[in-house]
Amino acid sequence: MNNNNLTTIYWKEDYKTKLKDMIMKEEKTIEYLNNIIKYFEENNIEKYKKFDKRDLDKIKKYLEEKGMLFYENCGNNFSIHSKEEIRTKTLYIYINNEQQYNCDIDISKMNYDGETEYYNVVEQAKARLNYVNNLYEENKNILNNFDTYFKQYNDKVREFKQFIDTTHLNNIIDIYIYAGRED
């Protein structure tokens, strides 16, 4: 419901394509997080006291060996980067030229008193993996029941329109509902 507008949905294939794209990105993110956790554990890394380009290059090399880093075209690519802002250092990935914020790994943060706080990257990666796995399961469930959920949504919109029409609530609340009769 956007600006008191509610409509039934007809362009289901658009939403299905977007959902499949999200699922594909989540699959690649899960693979990345599993590999980065293995990398950290194999190299006994919990916290980076000094993270620089050499560390990033080692991670890139490790991921290349696993077949993760690639660039086929603008719509099919995977890369890893780090960014150093004024007070933070972060490790992040791009999938299909889009940063995946749900798997950013914070390396360190400088507090206002000048003290640097170093984060446990293994714990973060495991927590991010758990989060992305949950999203992935939810989205797979939505995809498996896609037509049913959209039919239920459209039925609820029609039911709500009937409620608004019979109660005349739209006389005092600015509500616009378009409820087509067919999916």
N, C-alpha and C. Protein backbone atom coordinates (compact mmCIF):
# COMPACT_ATOMS: atom_id res chain seq x y z
N MET A 1 0.86 -1.17 0.00
CA MET A 1 0.00 0.00 0.00
C MET A 1 0.90 1.22 0.00
N ASN A 2 0.87 1.96 -1.07
CA ASN A 2 1.74 3.12 -1.21
C ASN A 2 0.87 4.36 -1.35
N ASN A 3 1.04 5.31 -0.46
CA ASN A 3 0.25 6.54 -0.48
C ASN A 3 -1.25 6.24 -0.54
N ASN A 4 -1.67 5.29 0.28
CA ASN A 4 -3.08 4.89 0.38
C ASN A 4 -3.62 4.30 -0.92
N ASN A 5 -2.75 3.80 -1.78
CA ASN A 5 -3.17 3.12 -2.99
C ASN A 5 -2.95 1.63 -2.82
N LEU A 6 -3.92 0.85 -3.21
CA LEU A 6 -3.81 -0.60 -3.11
C LEU A 6 -4.39 -1.19 -4.40
N THR A 7 -3.62 -2.03 -5.06
CA THR A 7 -4.09 -2.60 -6.32
C THR A 7 -3.81 -4.08 -6.37
N THR A 8 -4.60 -4.78 -7.14
CA THR A 8 -4.32 -6.19 -7.40
C THR A 8 -3.12 -6.27 -8.35
N ILE A 9 -2.40 -7.36 -8.28
CA ILE A 9 -1.16 -7.51 -9.05
C ILE A 9 -1.40 -8.43 -10.24
N TYR A 10 -1.00 -7.95 -11.42
CA TYR A 10 -1.17 -8.74 -12.63
C TYR A 10 0.16 -9.13 -13.26
N TRP A 11 1.20 -8.34 -13.06
CA TRP A 11 2.49 -8.60 -13.71
C TRP A 11 3.31 -9.55 -12.85
N LYS A 12 2.79 -10.74 -12.66
CA LYS A 12 3.42 -11.72 -11.78
C LYS A 12 4.79 -12.15 -12.27
N GLU A 13 4.97 -12.25 -13.56
CA GLU A 13 6.25 -12.73 -14.10
C GLU A 13 7.39 -11.78 -13.75
N ASP A 14 7.11 -10.47 -13.70
CA ASP A 14 8.12 -9.50 -13.27
C ASP A 14 8.59 -9.80 -11.86
N TYR A 15 7.62 -10.01 -10.98
CA TYR A 15 7.95 -10.29 -9.59
C TYR A 15 8.64 -11.65 -9.44
N LYS A 16 8.21 -12.60 -10.23
CA LYS A 16 8.83 -13.93 -10.18
C LYS A 16 10.28 -13.86 -10.64
N THR A 17 10.55 -13.09 -11.69
CA THR A 17 11.92 -12.91 -12.18
C THR A 17 12.78 -12.22 -11.13
N LYS A 18 12.24 -11.17 -10.48
CA LYS A 18 12.99 -10.48 -9.43
C LYS A 18 13.29 -11.42 -8.26
N LEU A 19 12.33 -12.25 -7.92
CA LEU A 19 12.51 -13.20 -6.83
C LEU A 19 13.57 -14.24 -7.18
N LYS A 20 13.54 -14.74 -8.41
CA LYS A 20 14.57 -15.70 -8.84
C LYS A 20 15.95 -15.07 -8.83
N ASP A 21 16.04 -13.79 -9.21
CA ASP A 21 17.31 -13.08 -9.19
C ASP A 21 17.81 -12.94 -7.75
N MET A 22 16.91 -12.61 -6.82
CA MET A 22 17.29 -12.52 -5.41
C MET A 22 17.79 -13.86 -4.89
N ILE A 23 17.12 -14.93 -5.26
CA ILE A 23 17.51 -16.27 -4.82
C ILE A 23 18.89 -16.63 -5.37
N MET A 24 19.15 -16.30 -6.63
CA MET A 24 20.46 -16.58 -7.22
C MET A 24 21.56 -15.81 -6.48
N LYS A 25 21.31 -14.55 -6.16
CA LYS A 25 22.29 -13.75 -5.42
C LYS A 25 22.50 -14.32 -4.02
N GLU A 26 21.43 -14.78 -3.39
CA GLU A 26 21.56 -15.37 -2.06
C GLU A 26 22.36 -16.67 -2.11
N GLU A 27 22.18 -17.47 -3.17
CA GLU A 27 22.96 -18.71 -3.31
C GLU A 27 24.45 -18.39 -3.44
N LYS A 28 24.79 -17.39 -4.26
CA LYS A 28 26.19 -17.01 -4.41
C LYS A 28 26.74 -16.42 -3.11
N THR A 29 25.92 -15.67 -2.40
CA THR A 29 26.34 -15.09 -1.12
C THR A 29 26.61 -16.18 -0.10
N ILE A 30 25.76 -17.20 -0.06
CA ILE A 30 25.97 -18.32 0.87
C ILE A 30 27.26 -19.05 0.53
N GLU A 31 27.49 -19.28 -0.75
CA GLU A 31 28.74 -19.94 -1.17
C GLU A 31 29.95 -19.09 -0.76
N TYR A 32 29.86 -17.77 -0.97
CA TYR A 32 30.95 -16.87 -0.59
C TYR A 32 31.19 -16.93 0.92
N LEU A 33 30.13 -16.82 1.71
CA LEU A 33 30.29 -16.81 3.17
C LEU A 33 30.87 -18.13 3.67
N ASN A 34 30.44 -19.25 3.10
CA ASN A 34 31.03 -20.53 3.49
C ASN A 34 32.52 -20.56 3.18
N ASN A 35 32.90 -20.06 2.01
CA ASN A 35 34.32 -20.04 1.63
C ASN A 35 35.13 -19.07 2.48
N ILE A 36 34.57 -17.91 2.79
CA ILE A 36 35.33 -16.93 3.58
C ILE A 36 35.49 -17.42 5.01
N ILE A 37 34.51 -18.13 5.54
CA ILE A 37 34.64 -18.72 6.88
C ILE A 37 35.75 -19.76 6.87
N LYS A 38 35.78 -20.60 5.83
CA LYS A 38 36.86 -21.60 5.71
C LYS A 38 38.21 -20.90 5.63
N TYR A 39 38.29 -19.83 4.86
CA TYR A 39 39.55 -19.10 4.72
C TYR A 39 40.00 -18.57 6.09
N PHE A 40 39.10 -17.93 6.81
CA PHE A 40 39.46 -17.39 8.12
C PHE A 40 39.91 -18.50 9.08
N GLU A 41 39.17 -19.63 9.08
CA GLU A 41 39.51 -20.71 9.99
C GLU A 41 40.82 -21.40 9.61
N GLU A 42 41.05 -21.61 8.31
CA GLU A 42 42.29 -22.25 7.86
C GLU A 42 43.51 -21.39 8.17
N ASN A 43 43.35 -20.08 8.16
CA ASN A 43 44.47 -19.17 8.41
C ASN A 43 44.48 -18.61 9.83
N ASN A 44 43.65 -19.18 10.71
CA ASN A 44 43.58 -18.76 12.11
C ASN A 44 43.38 -17.25 12.26
N ILE A 45 42.44 -16.71 11.52
CA ILE A 45 42.16 -15.27 11.57
C ILE A 45 40.85 -15.07 12.31
N GLU A 46 40.92 -14.34 13.40
CA GLU A 46 39.70 -13.92 14.09
C GLU A 46 39.51 -12.42 13.95
N LYS A 47 40.61 -11.69 14.15
CA LYS A 47 40.58 -10.24 14.04
C LYS A 47 41.77 -9.80 13.21
N TYR A 48 41.53 -8.81 12.37
CA TYR A 48 42.62 -8.21 11.58
C TYR A 48 43.09 -6.96 12.32
N LYS A 49 44.32 -7.00 12.81
CA LYS A 49 44.88 -5.79 13.44
C LYS A 49 45.30 -4.80 12.36
N LYS A 50 45.80 -5.33 11.25
CA LYS A 50 46.14 -4.49 10.10
C LYS A 50 45.60 -5.18 8.87
N PHE A 51 44.63 -4.58 8.23
CA PHE A 51 44.06 -5.12 7.01
C PHE A 51 44.46 -4.18 5.88
N ASP A 52 45.14 -4.72 4.87
CA ASP A 52 45.55 -3.89 3.75
C ASP A 52 45.35 -4.65 2.44
N LYS A 53 45.89 -4.09 1.37
CA LYS A 53 45.71 -4.67 0.03
C LYS A 53 46.26 -6.09 -0.06
N ARG A 54 47.34 -6.40 0.66
CA ARG A 54 47.89 -7.75 0.63
C ARG A 54 46.90 -8.77 1.18
N ASP A 55 46.21 -8.40 2.26
CA ASP A 55 45.21 -9.30 2.82
C ASP A 55 44.05 -9.51 1.85
N LEU A 56 43.62 -8.43 1.21
CA LEU A 56 42.55 -8.54 0.22
C LEU A 56 42.99 -9.40 -0.95
N ASP A 57 44.24 -9.24 -1.39
CA ASP A 57 44.76 -10.05 -2.50
C ASP A 57 44.80 -11.54 -2.13
N LYS A 58 45.15 -11.85 -0.89
CA LYS A 58 45.16 -13.24 -0.44
C LYS A 58 43.75 -13.83 -0.47
N ILE A 59 42.78 -13.04 -0.03
CA ILE A 59 41.38 -13.50 -0.05
C ILE A 59 40.93 -13.69 -1.49
N LYS A 60 41.27 -12.74 -2.37
CA LYS A 60 40.90 -12.87 -3.79
C LYS A 60 41.49 -14.12 -4.40
N LYS A 61 42.77 -14.38 -4.10
CA LYS A 61 43.44 -15.56 -4.64
C LYS A 61 42.74 -16.83 -4.15
N TYR A 62 42.40 -16.86 -2.88
CA TYR A 62 41.71 -18.02 -2.31
C TYR A 62 40.36 -18.24 -3.00
N LEU A 63 39.61 -17.15 -3.20
CA LEU A 63 38.30 -17.27 -3.85
C LEU A 63 38.43 -17.62 -5.32
N GLU A 64 39.49 -17.15 -5.98
CA GLU A 64 39.73 -17.54 -7.38
C GLU A 64 39.96 -19.03 -7.49
N GLU A 65 40.73 -19.59 -6.55
CA GLU A 65 40.98 -21.03 -6.53
C GLU A 65 39.69 -21.82 -6.34
N LYS A 66 38.75 -21.24 -5.64
CA LYS A 66 37.44 -21.88 -5.42
C LYS A 66 36.47 -21.63 -6.57
N GLY A 67 36.90 -20.84 -7.56
CA GLY A 67 36.05 -20.55 -8.72
C GLY A 67 34.95 -19.55 -8.45
N MET A 68 35.14 -18.71 -7.44
CA MET A 68 34.09 -17.76 -7.07
C MET A 68 34.16 -16.45 -7.87
N LEU A 69 35.35 -15.92 -8.07
CA LEU A 69 35.49 -14.62 -8.73
C LEU A 69 35.41 -14.79 -10.24
N PHE A 70 34.50 -14.07 -10.86
CA PHE A 70 34.38 -14.13 -12.32
C PHE A 70 33.67 -12.90 -12.85
N TYR A 71 33.89 -12.64 -14.13
CA TYR A 71 33.18 -11.58 -14.82
C TYR A 71 32.87 -12.09 -16.21
N GLU A 72 31.61 -12.44 -16.43
CA GLU A 72 31.19 -12.89 -17.76
C GLU A 72 30.58 -11.74 -18.54
N ASN A 73 29.69 -11.01 -17.88
CA ASN A 73 29.08 -9.84 -18.50
C ASN A 73 28.46 -8.99 -17.38
N CYS A 74 27.84 -7.90 -17.74
CA CYS A 74 27.27 -6.99 -16.73
C CYS A 74 26.20 -7.67 -15.87
N GLY A 75 25.54 -8.66 -16.42
CA GLY A 75 24.49 -9.33 -15.67
C GLY A 75 24.93 -10.59 -14.98
N ASN A 76 26.21 -10.95 -15.08
CA ASN A 76 26.68 -12.18 -14.45
C ASN A 76 28.13 -12.00 -14.03
N ASN A 77 28.33 -11.55 -12.78
CA ASN A 77 29.67 -11.37 -12.28
C ASN A 77 29.69 -11.43 -10.75
N PHE A 78 30.89 -11.63 -10.21
CA PHE A 78 31.09 -11.71 -8.76
C PHE A 78 32.47 -11.15 -8.45
N SER A 79 32.53 -10.23 -7.49
CA SER A 79 33.83 -9.68 -7.09
C SER A 79 33.80 -9.31 -5.61
N ILE A 80 34.99 -9.24 -5.03
CA ILE A 80 35.13 -8.88 -3.62
C ILE A 80 35.99 -7.63 -3.50
N HIS A 81 35.64 -6.76 -2.55
CA HIS A 81 36.35 -5.49 -2.38
C HIS A 81 36.43 -5.15 -0.90
N SER A 82 37.25 -4.17 -0.59
CA SER A 82 37.27 -3.62 0.76
C SER A 82 37.16 -2.11 0.63
N LYS A 83 36.58 -1.51 1.63
CA LYS A 83 36.51 -0.05 1.61
C LYS A 83 36.94 0.46 2.98
N GLU A 84 37.66 1.55 2.91
CA GLU A 84 38.12 2.19 4.12
C GLU A 84 37.54 3.58 4.14
N GLU A 85 36.63 3.79 5.04
CA GLU A 85 36.03 5.10 5.18
C GLU A 85 36.72 5.83 6.32
N ILE A 86 36.21 6.94 6.73
CA ILE A 86 36.87 7.75 7.75
C ILE A 86 37.12 6.95 9.03
N ARG A 87 36.16 6.21 9.48
CA ARG A 87 36.30 5.51 10.75
C ARG A 87 36.19 3.99 10.65
N THR A 88 35.87 3.42 9.48
CA THR A 88 35.62 1.99 9.38
C THR A 88 36.37 1.34 8.21
N LYS A 89 36.60 0.04 8.35
CA LYS A 89 37.10 -0.79 7.26
C LYS A 89 36.11 -1.93 7.10
N THR A 90 35.72 -2.20 5.85
CA THR A 90 34.70 -3.21 5.58
C THR A 90 35.10 -4.05 4.38
N LEU A 91 34.79 -5.34 4.47
CA LEU A 91 34.97 -6.28 3.36
C LEU A 91 33.58 -6.53 2.79
N TYR A 92 33.42 -6.39 1.48
CA TYR A 92 32.09 -6.56 0.88
C TYR A 92 32.21 -7.18 -0.50
N ILE A 93 31.07 -7.64 -1.03
CA ILE A 93 31.05 -8.26 -2.35
C ILE A 93 30.06 -7.57 -3.28
N TYR A 94 30.34 -7.72 -4.58
CA TYR A 94 29.41 -7.30 -5.62
C TYR A 94 28.96 -8.56 -6.36
N ILE A 95 27.68 -8.68 -6.57
CA ILE A 95 27.13 -9.71 -7.44
C ILE A 95 26.30 -8.98 -8.48
N ASN A 96 26.64 -9.20 -9.74
CA ASN A 96 25.96 -8.53 -10.86
C ASN A 96 25.95 -7.02 -10.69
N ASN A 97 27.13 -6.49 -10.36
CA ASN A 97 27.34 -5.04 -10.20
C ASN A 97 26.46 -4.41 -9.13
N GLU A 98 26.10 -5.17 -8.12
CA GLU A 98 25.26 -4.67 -7.05
C GLU A 98 25.85 -5.13 -5.72
N GLN A 99 26.13 -4.19 -4.83
CA GLN A 99 26.71 -4.57 -3.54
C GLN A 99 25.69 -5.35 -2.73
N GLN A 100 26.15 -6.42 -2.11
CA GLN A 100 25.30 -7.25 -1.27
C GLN A 100 25.53 -6.85 0.19
N TYR A 101 24.69 -5.96 0.69
CA TYR A 101 24.89 -5.40 2.02
C TYR A 101 24.66 -6.43 3.13
N ASN A 102 23.92 -7.48 2.83
CA ASN A 102 23.60 -8.46 3.85
C ASN A 102 24.78 -9.35 4.23
N CYS A 103 25.92 -9.18 3.60
CA CYS A 103 27.10 -9.99 3.96
C CYS A 103 28.35 -9.15 4.16
N ASP A 104 28.19 -7.85 4.40
CA ASP A 104 29.35 -7.01 4.71
C ASP A 104 30.00 -7.50 6.00
N ILE A 105 31.32 -7.53 5.99
CA ILE A 105 32.06 -7.93 7.18
C ILE A 105 32.88 -6.73 7.64
N ASP A 106 32.54 -6.20 8.81
CA ASP A 106 33.28 -5.06 9.37
C ASP A 106 34.58 -5.56 9.97
N ILE A 107 35.66 -4.92 9.60
CA ILE A 107 36.98 -5.33 10.08
C ILE A 107 37.38 -4.53 11.32
N SER A 108 37.23 -3.22 11.24
CA SER A 108 37.58 -2.39 12.39
C SER A 108 36.79 -1.08 12.35
N LYS A 109 36.80 -0.44 13.51
CA LYS A 109 36.13 0.86 13.64
C LYS A 109 36.96 1.71 14.59
N MET A 110 37.17 2.96 14.22
CA MET A 110 37.89 3.87 15.10
C MET A 110 36.86 4.66 15.90
N ASN A 111 36.97 4.60 17.20
CA ASN A 111 36.07 5.34 18.07
C ASN A 111 36.44 6.81 18.09
N TYR A 112 35.57 7.64 18.63
CA TYR A 112 35.83 9.08 18.66
C TYR A 112 37.01 9.46 19.55
N ASP A 113 37.34 8.59 20.50
CA ASP A 113 38.49 8.89 21.36
C ASP A 113 39.82 8.48 20.72
N GLY A 114 39.78 7.98 19.48
CA GLY A 114 41.00 7.61 18.76
C GLY A 114 41.37 6.15 18.91
N GLU A 115 40.69 5.41 19.75
CA GLU A 115 40.97 3.99 19.96
C GLU A 115 40.32 3.18 18.84
N THR A 116 41.05 2.20 18.33
CA THR A 116 40.54 1.35 17.26
C THR A 116 39.97 0.07 17.84
N GLU A 117 38.76 -0.27 17.42
CA GLU A 117 38.09 -1.49 17.86
C GLU A 117 38.13 -2.48 16.70
N TYR A 118 38.63 -3.69 16.95
CA TYR A 118 38.75 -4.72 15.92
C TYR A 118 37.63 -5.74 16.12
N TYR A 119 36.97 -6.08 15.04
CA TYR A 119 35.84 -7.01 15.11
C TYR A 119 36.26 -8.43 14.80
N ASN A 120 35.56 -9.38 15.39
CA ASN A 120 35.78 -10.80 15.11
C ASN A 120 35.11 -11.12 13.78
N VAL A 121 35.91 -11.34 12.75
CA VAL A 121 35.38 -11.53 11.40
C VAL A 121 34.71 -12.89 11.24
N VAL A 122 35.16 -13.91 11.98
CA VAL A 122 34.57 -15.24 11.88
C VAL A 122 33.15 -15.23 12.44
N GLU A 123 32.99 -14.61 13.61
CA GLU A 123 31.65 -14.52 14.21
C GLU A 123 30.69 -13.76 13.29
N GLN A 124 31.19 -12.66 12.74
CA GLN A 124 30.35 -11.87 11.83
C GLN A 124 29.94 -12.67 10.61
N ALA A 125 30.91 -13.36 10.01
CA ALA A 125 30.62 -14.15 8.80
C ALA A 125 29.61 -15.24 9.11
N LYS A 126 29.74 -15.89 10.26
CA LYS A 126 28.77 -16.93 10.64
C LYS A 126 27.39 -16.35 10.88
N ALA A 127 27.33 -15.19 11.53
CA ALA A 127 26.04 -14.54 11.77
C ALA A 127 25.40 -14.11 10.44
N ARG A 128 26.22 -13.58 9.53
CA ARG A 128 25.71 -13.18 8.21
C ARG A 128 25.22 -14.41 7.43
N LEU A 129 25.97 -15.50 7.53
CA LEU A 129 25.58 -16.74 6.85
C LEU A 129 24.23 -17.22 7.37
N ASN A 130 24.04 -17.19 8.67
CA ASN A 130 22.76 -17.59 9.26
C ASN A 130 21.62 -16.69 8.76
N TYR A 131 21.88 -15.39 8.72
CA TYR A 131 20.87 -14.42 8.25
C TYR A 131 20.51 -14.68 6.78
N VAL A 132 21.52 -14.84 5.93
CA VAL A 132 21.27 -15.05 4.50
C VAL A 132 20.59 -16.40 4.27
N ASN A 133 20.97 -17.42 5.04
CA ASN A 133 20.30 -18.73 4.92
C ASN A 133 18.82 -18.61 5.23
N ASN A 134 18.48 -17.84 6.27
CA ASN A 134 17.06 -17.63 6.61
C ASN A 134 16.32 -16.91 5.48
N LEU A 135 16.94 -15.86 4.93
CA LEU A 135 16.33 -15.14 3.79
C LEU A 135 16.13 -16.08 2.61
N TYR A 136 17.15 -16.88 2.35
CA TYR A 136 17.11 -17.82 1.22
C TYR A 136 15.96 -18.81 1.39
N GLU A 137 15.81 -19.36 2.58
CA GLU A 137 14.72 -20.32 2.84
C GLU A 137 13.36 -19.65 2.67
N GLU A 138 13.22 -18.43 3.19
CA GLU A 138 11.96 -17.70 3.04
C GLU A 138 11.64 -17.46 1.57
N ASN A 139 12.63 -17.01 0.81
CA ASN A 139 12.40 -16.71 -0.61
C ASN A 139 12.13 -17.98 -1.42
N LYS A 140 12.80 -19.08 -1.07
CA LYS A 140 12.50 -20.36 -1.75
C LYS A 140 11.06 -20.78 -1.47
N ASN A 141 10.62 -20.58 -0.23
CA ASN A 141 9.24 -20.91 0.13
C ASN A 141 8.26 -20.04 -0.66
N ILE A 142 8.56 -18.76 -0.79
CA ILE A 142 7.71 -17.86 -1.57
C ILE A 142 7.66 -18.31 -3.02
N LEU A 143 8.82 -18.67 -3.58
CA LEU A 143 8.87 -19.11 -4.97
C LEU A 143 8.07 -20.39 -5.17
N ASN A 144 8.18 -21.33 -4.22
CA ASN A 144 7.44 -22.60 -4.34
C ASN A 144 5.94 -22.40 -4.26
N ASN A 145 5.49 -21.36 -3.54
CA ASN A 145 4.06 -21.10 -3.38
C ASN A 145 3.66 -19.79 -4.05
N PHE A 146 4.39 -19.39 -5.06
CA PHE A 146 4.24 -18.07 -5.67
C PHE A 146 2.81 -17.78 -6.12
N ASP A 147 2.25 -18.65 -6.94
CA ASP A 147 0.91 -18.41 -7.49
C ASP A 147 -0.14 -18.38 -6.39
N THR A 148 0.01 -19.25 -5.41
CA THR A 148 -0.95 -19.30 -4.30
C THR A 148 -0.92 -18.00 -3.51
N TYR A 149 0.28 -17.52 -3.20
CA TYR A 149 0.39 -16.29 -2.41
C TYR A 149 -0.15 -15.08 -3.16
N PHE A 150 0.10 -15.00 -4.46
CA PHE A 150 -0.41 -13.87 -5.23
C PHE A 150 -1.93 -13.94 -5.36
N LYS A 151 -2.47 -15.13 -5.49
CA LYS A 151 -3.92 -15.27 -5.53
C LYS A 151 -4.53 -14.84 -4.20
N GLN A 152 -3.91 -15.26 -3.08
CA GLN A 152 -4.40 -14.87 -1.76
C GLN A 152 -4.33 -13.35 -1.59
N TYR A 153 -3.22 -12.75 -2.04
CA TYR A 153 -3.08 -11.29 -1.95
C TYR A 153 -4.18 -10.59 -2.74
N ASN A 154 -4.37 -11.01 -3.99
CA ASN A 154 -5.39 -10.38 -4.83
C ASN A 154 -6.78 -10.56 -4.23
N ASP A 155 -7.04 -11.74 -3.65
CA ASP A 155 -8.34 -11.97 -3.00
C ASP A 155 -8.53 -11.03 -1.82
N LYS A 156 -7.47 -10.81 -1.03
CA LYS A 156 -7.57 -9.90 0.12
C LYS A 156 -7.80 -8.46 -0.33
N VAL A 157 -7.17 -8.06 -1.43
CA VAL A 157 -7.39 -6.71 -1.95
C VAL A 157 -8.85 -6.54 -2.36
N ARG A 158 -9.39 -7.54 -3.03
CA ARG A 158 -10.80 -7.48 -3.44
C ARG A 158 -11.72 -7.44 -2.22
N GLU A 159 -11.37 -8.23 -1.22
CA GLU A 159 -12.17 -8.26 0.02
C GLU A 159 -12.10 -6.91 0.73
N PHE A 160 -10.91 -6.30 0.77
CA PHE A 160 -10.75 -5.00 1.41
C PHE A 160 -11.51 -3.92 0.64
N LYS A 161 -11.49 -4.00 -0.69
CA LYS A 161 -12.25 -3.04 -1.50
C LYS A 161 -13.74 -3.14 -1.21
N GLN A 162 -14.21 -4.38 -1.08
CA GLN A 162 -15.62 -4.58 -0.76
C GLN A 162 -15.94 -3.99 0.61
N PHE A 163 -15.05 -4.16 1.59
CA PHE A 163 -15.22 -3.59 2.92
C PHE A 163 -15.28 -2.06 2.85
N ILE A 164 -14.36 -1.45 2.11
CA ILE A 164 -14.33 0.02 1.97
C ILE A 164 -15.60 0.51 1.29
N ASP A 165 -16.03 -0.19 0.25
CA ASP A 165 -17.24 0.22 -0.47
C ASP A 165 -18.49 0.13 0.40
N THR A 166 -18.56 -0.88 1.24
CA THR A 166 -19.77 -1.03 2.08
C THR A 166 -19.75 -0.11 3.29
N THR A 167 -18.60 0.19 3.84
CA THR A 167 -18.54 1.05 5.02
C THR A 167 -18.38 2.52 4.66
N HIS A 168 -18.00 2.81 3.42
CA HIS A 168 -17.78 4.19 2.94
C HIS A 168 -16.70 4.91 3.75
N LEU A 169 -15.72 4.15 4.19
CA LEU A 169 -14.58 4.73 4.91
C LEU A 169 -13.81 5.70 4.04
N ASN A 170 -13.86 5.50 2.74
CA ASN A 170 -13.11 6.38 1.84
C ASN A 170 -13.67 7.80 1.82
N ASN A 171 -14.81 8.03 2.47
CA ASN A 171 -15.32 9.41 2.59
C ASN A 171 -14.48 10.23 3.55
N ILE A 172 -13.89 9.59 4.55
CA ILE A 172 -13.10 10.33 5.52
C ILE A 172 -11.59 10.03 5.41
N ILE A 173 -11.22 8.90 4.79
CA ILE A 173 -9.82 8.55 4.59
C ILE A 173 -9.58 8.48 3.09
N ASP A 174 -8.52 9.12 2.65
CA ASP A 174 -8.20 9.12 1.23
C ASP A 174 -7.60 7.77 0.84
N ILE A 175 -8.47 6.86 0.37
CA ILE A 175 -8.03 5.52 -0.01
C ILE A 175 -8.46 5.27 -1.45
N TYR A 176 -7.51 4.77 -2.24
CA TYR A 176 -7.84 4.35 -3.59
C TYR A 176 -7.48 2.88 -3.71
N ILE A 177 -8.46 2.08 -4.10
CA ILE A 177 -8.22 0.65 -4.27
C ILE A 177 -8.70 0.26 -5.66
N TYR A 178 -7.81 -0.39 -6.39
CA TYR A 178 -8.21 -0.96 -7.67
C TYR A 178 -8.15 -2.47 -7.51
N ALA A 179 -9.29 -3.08 -7.57
CA ALA A 179 -9.34 -4.54 -7.43
C ALA A 179 -9.99 -5.12 -8.67
N GLY A 180 -9.19 -5.57 -9.60
CA GLY A 180 -9.70 -6.22 -10.79
C GLY A 180 -10.35 -7.55 -10.43
N ARG A 181 -11.22 -8.02 -11.28
CA ARG A 181 -11.97 -9.24 -10.97
C ARG A 181 -11.18 -10.51 -11.26
N GLU A 182 -10.20 -10.44 -12.13
CA GLU A 182 -9.47 -11.65 -12.51
C GLU A 182 -7.98 -11.46 -12.28
N ASP A 183 -7.30 -12.58 -12.04
CA ASP A 183 -5.84 -12.53 -11.92
C ASP A 183 -5.32 -12.48 -13.29
